[in-house]
N, C-alpha and C. Protein backbone atom coordinates (compact mmCIF):
# COMPACT_ATOMS: atom_id res chain seq x y z
N MET A 1 87.95 305.19 214.51
CA MET A 1 88.86 305.74 215.48
C MET A 1 88.98 304.81 216.71
N LEU A 2 87.82 304.34 217.21
CA LEU A 2 87.85 303.42 218.35
C LEU A 2 88.65 302.17 218.00
N GLN A 3 88.48 301.70 216.78
CA GLN A 3 89.21 300.51 216.32
C GLN A 3 90.72 300.71 216.49
N GLN A 4 91.21 301.85 216.09
CA GLN A 4 92.65 302.13 216.18
C GLN A 4 93.09 302.25 217.63
N ILE A 5 92.27 302.89 218.46
CA ILE A 5 92.59 303.04 219.88
C ILE A 5 92.69 301.66 220.54
N LEU A 6 91.73 300.79 220.23
CA LEU A 6 91.74 299.44 220.79
C LEU A 6 92.96 298.66 220.31
N HIS A 7 93.30 298.83 219.04
CA HIS A 7 94.49 298.16 218.50
C HIS A 7 95.74 298.67 219.20
N ASP A 8 95.83 299.98 219.38
CA ASP A 8 96.98 300.57 220.07
C ASP A 8 97.04 300.13 221.53
N PHE A 9 95.89 299.82 222.11
CA PHE A 9 95.80 299.36 223.49
C PHE A 9 96.30 297.92 223.63
N GLY A 10 96.47 297.23 222.48
CA GLY A 10 97.03 295.88 222.50
C GLY A 10 96.05 294.78 222.19
N LEU A 11 94.86 295.13 221.73
CA LEU A 11 93.87 294.11 221.40
C LEU A 11 94.10 293.57 220.00
N ASN A 12 93.83 292.27 219.83
CA ASN A 12 93.89 291.70 218.49
C ASN A 12 92.51 291.85 217.84
N GLU A 13 92.38 291.47 216.58
CA GLU A 13 91.12 291.69 215.85
C GLU A 13 89.94 290.95 216.47
N ALA A 14 90.15 289.73 216.94
CA ALA A 14 89.06 288.97 217.55
C ALA A 14 88.60 289.62 218.85
N GLU A 15 89.53 290.12 219.65
CA GLU A 15 89.17 290.81 220.89
C GLU A 15 88.42 292.11 220.59
N ILE A 16 88.86 292.83 219.57
CA ILE A 16 88.18 294.06 219.18
C ILE A 16 86.75 293.76 218.73
N THR A 17 86.59 292.71 217.93
CA THR A 17 85.26 292.30 217.46
C THR A 17 84.36 291.92 218.64
N THR A 18 84.91 291.18 219.57
CA THR A 18 84.15 290.76 220.76
C THR A 18 83.75 291.98 221.58
N TYR A 19 84.68 292.87 221.83
CA TYR A 19 84.41 294.08 222.61
C TYR A 19 83.33 294.93 221.93
N ASN A 20 83.47 295.15 220.64
CA ASN A 20 82.49 295.96 219.90
C ASN A 20 81.10 295.34 219.93
N GLU A 21 81.03 294.03 219.85
CA GLU A 21 79.73 293.35 219.91
C GLU A 21 79.08 293.55 221.28
N LEU A 22 79.88 293.45 222.34
CA LEU A 22 79.34 293.68 223.67
C LEU A 22 78.89 295.14 223.85
N LEU A 23 79.65 296.07 223.30
CA LEU A 23 79.25 297.48 223.36
C LEU A 23 77.90 297.69 222.68
N ALA A 24 77.73 297.07 221.53
CA ALA A 24 76.52 297.27 220.74
C ALA A 24 75.30 296.56 221.32
N SER A 25 75.51 295.38 221.90
CA SER A 25 74.37 294.56 222.31
C SER A 25 74.09 294.54 223.80
N GLY A 26 75.02 295.01 224.60
CA GLY A 26 74.82 294.95 226.05
C GLY A 26 75.24 293.62 226.63
N PRO A 27 74.95 293.41 227.92
CA PRO A 27 75.40 292.19 228.61
C PRO A 27 74.88 290.92 227.91
N GLN A 28 75.77 289.95 227.80
CA GLN A 28 75.43 288.68 227.15
C GLN A 28 76.17 287.53 227.81
N THR A 29 75.66 286.34 227.60
CA THR A 29 76.39 285.15 228.01
C THR A 29 77.46 284.87 226.96
N ALA A 30 78.44 284.10 227.33
CA ALA A 30 79.50 283.74 226.38
C ALA A 30 78.93 282.93 225.22
N GLY A 31 77.98 282.06 225.51
CA GLY A 31 77.38 281.24 224.46
C GLY A 31 76.63 282.06 223.43
N LYS A 32 75.84 283.02 223.91
CA LYS A 32 75.08 283.88 223.01
C LYS A 32 76.03 284.76 222.18
N LEU A 33 77.07 285.24 222.84
CA LEU A 33 78.06 286.06 222.16
C LEU A 33 78.79 285.25 221.08
N ALA A 34 79.16 284.03 221.41
CA ALA A 34 79.84 283.17 220.44
C ALA A 34 78.97 282.91 219.23
N LYS A 35 77.69 282.69 219.47
CA LYS A 35 76.77 282.43 218.37
C LYS A 35 76.63 283.65 217.46
N SER A 36 76.52 284.84 218.05
CA SER A 36 76.36 286.06 217.23
C SER A 36 77.64 286.41 216.47
N LEU A 37 78.79 286.04 217.04
CA LEU A 37 80.07 286.34 216.38
C LEU A 37 80.52 285.24 215.42
N GLY A 38 80.02 284.04 215.62
CA GLY A 38 80.44 282.92 214.79
C GLY A 38 81.79 282.34 215.23
N PHE A 39 82.17 282.59 216.48
CA PHE A 39 83.41 282.05 217.05
C PHE A 39 83.06 280.88 217.96
N PRO A 40 84.00 279.94 218.14
CA PRO A 40 83.76 278.88 219.13
C PRO A 40 83.64 279.48 220.53
N ARG A 41 82.76 278.90 221.33
CA ARG A 41 82.54 279.43 222.68
C ARG A 41 83.81 279.42 223.51
N SER A 42 84.62 278.38 223.34
CA SER A 42 85.88 278.31 224.10
C SER A 42 86.80 279.47 223.75
N SER A 43 86.82 279.87 222.50
CA SER A 43 87.63 281.03 222.09
C SER A 43 87.09 282.31 222.70
N VAL A 44 85.77 282.45 222.70
CA VAL A 44 85.15 283.65 223.25
C VAL A 44 85.48 283.78 224.74
N TYR A 45 85.46 282.67 225.47
CA TYR A 45 85.85 282.73 226.88
C TYR A 45 87.28 283.26 227.03
N GLY A 46 88.17 282.84 226.17
CA GLY A 46 89.55 283.34 226.21
C GLY A 46 89.62 284.83 225.91
N PHE A 47 88.87 285.28 224.90
CA PHE A 47 88.84 286.71 224.57
C PHE A 47 88.29 287.51 225.75
N LEU A 48 87.21 287.00 226.35
CA LEU A 48 86.59 287.70 227.47
C LEU A 48 87.53 287.77 228.67
N GLU A 49 88.27 286.71 228.91
CA GLU A 49 89.24 286.70 230.01
C GLU A 49 90.32 287.76 229.77
N ASP A 50 90.85 287.80 228.55
CA ASP A 50 91.88 288.79 228.23
C ASP A 50 91.33 290.21 228.32
N LEU A 51 90.12 290.42 227.83
CA LEU A 51 89.49 291.75 227.91
C LEU A 51 89.23 292.14 229.36
N GLY A 52 88.89 291.17 230.18
CA GLY A 52 88.67 291.43 231.60
C GLY A 52 89.95 291.86 232.29
N LYS A 53 91.06 291.20 231.97
CA LYS A 53 92.35 291.55 232.55
C LYS A 53 92.77 292.97 232.17
N LYS A 54 92.31 293.42 231.01
CA LYS A 54 92.64 294.78 230.55
C LYS A 54 91.62 295.80 231.03
N GLY A 55 90.63 295.36 231.79
CA GLY A 55 89.64 296.26 232.36
C GLY A 55 88.57 296.70 231.39
N LEU A 56 88.39 295.97 230.29
CA LEU A 56 87.41 296.36 229.28
C LEU A 56 86.10 295.60 229.36
N VAL A 57 86.09 294.48 230.09
CA VAL A 57 84.88 293.68 230.23
C VAL A 57 84.74 293.30 231.70
N VAL A 58 83.51 293.39 232.18
CA VAL A 58 83.22 292.96 233.55
C VAL A 58 82.28 291.76 233.49
N GLU A 59 82.45 290.89 234.46
CA GLU A 59 81.64 289.68 234.55
C GLU A 59 80.71 289.81 235.75
N SER A 60 79.48 289.40 235.57
CA SER A 60 78.52 289.37 236.67
C SER A 60 77.77 288.05 236.59
N GLN A 61 76.99 287.80 237.62
CA GLN A 61 76.24 286.55 237.63
C GLN A 61 74.79 286.86 237.99
N LYS A 62 73.89 286.31 237.21
CA LYS A 62 72.46 286.48 237.46
C LYS A 62 71.80 285.11 237.39
N GLU A 63 71.26 284.68 238.52
CA GLU A 63 70.62 283.38 238.60
C GLU A 63 71.52 282.26 238.07
N LYS A 64 72.75 282.22 238.54
CA LYS A 64 73.74 281.20 238.19
C LYS A 64 74.20 281.25 236.74
N VAL A 65 73.91 282.34 236.05
CA VAL A 65 74.33 282.51 234.66
C VAL A 65 75.33 283.66 234.60
N LYS A 66 76.51 283.39 234.02
CA LYS A 66 77.53 284.44 233.89
C LYS A 66 77.17 285.36 232.73
N LEU A 67 77.21 286.65 233.00
CA LEU A 67 76.99 287.66 231.97
C LEU A 67 78.25 288.50 231.84
N PHE A 68 78.53 288.91 230.63
CA PHE A 68 79.70 289.73 230.34
C PHE A 68 79.22 291.05 229.74
N GLU A 69 79.83 292.13 230.23
CA GLU A 69 79.44 293.46 229.77
C GLU A 69 80.68 294.29 229.48
N ALA A 70 80.63 295.04 228.40
CA ALA A 70 81.76 295.90 228.03
C ALA A 70 81.76 297.17 228.88
N GLU A 71 82.93 297.55 229.33
CA GLU A 71 83.09 298.85 229.97
C GLU A 71 83.07 299.91 228.87
N ARG A 72 82.69 301.10 229.20
CA ARG A 72 82.64 302.19 228.22
C ARG A 72 84.05 302.48 227.69
N PRO A 73 84.17 302.84 226.43
CA PRO A 73 85.49 303.11 225.83
C PRO A 73 86.26 304.23 226.53
N GLU A 74 85.57 305.11 227.22
CA GLU A 74 86.23 306.21 227.92
C GLU A 74 87.16 305.70 229.03
N LYS A 75 86.97 304.46 229.45
CA LYS A 75 87.79 303.90 230.52
C LYS A 75 89.17 303.44 230.04
N ILE A 76 89.38 303.44 228.73
CA ILE A 76 90.67 303.01 228.19
C ILE A 76 91.72 304.08 228.53
N ASN A 77 92.78 303.62 229.17
CA ASN A 77 93.86 304.55 229.56
C ASN A 77 94.89 304.67 228.48
């Protein structure tokens, strides 16, 4: 069901996969996320940027390291 909601929200399959991985694993760096997904890191940065613009991912910084975290699915309008 969440898959369909995310698709209807305008996400492509790679963005949905990225979002779901962040939901399941918690905050991660783009590099770690890319490794777990098997996507190039540069692509993951693009997915994260698009997800951030849609309000589904937030970026924070801890000791000069960028972390990305998924917002809860309830925030989808």
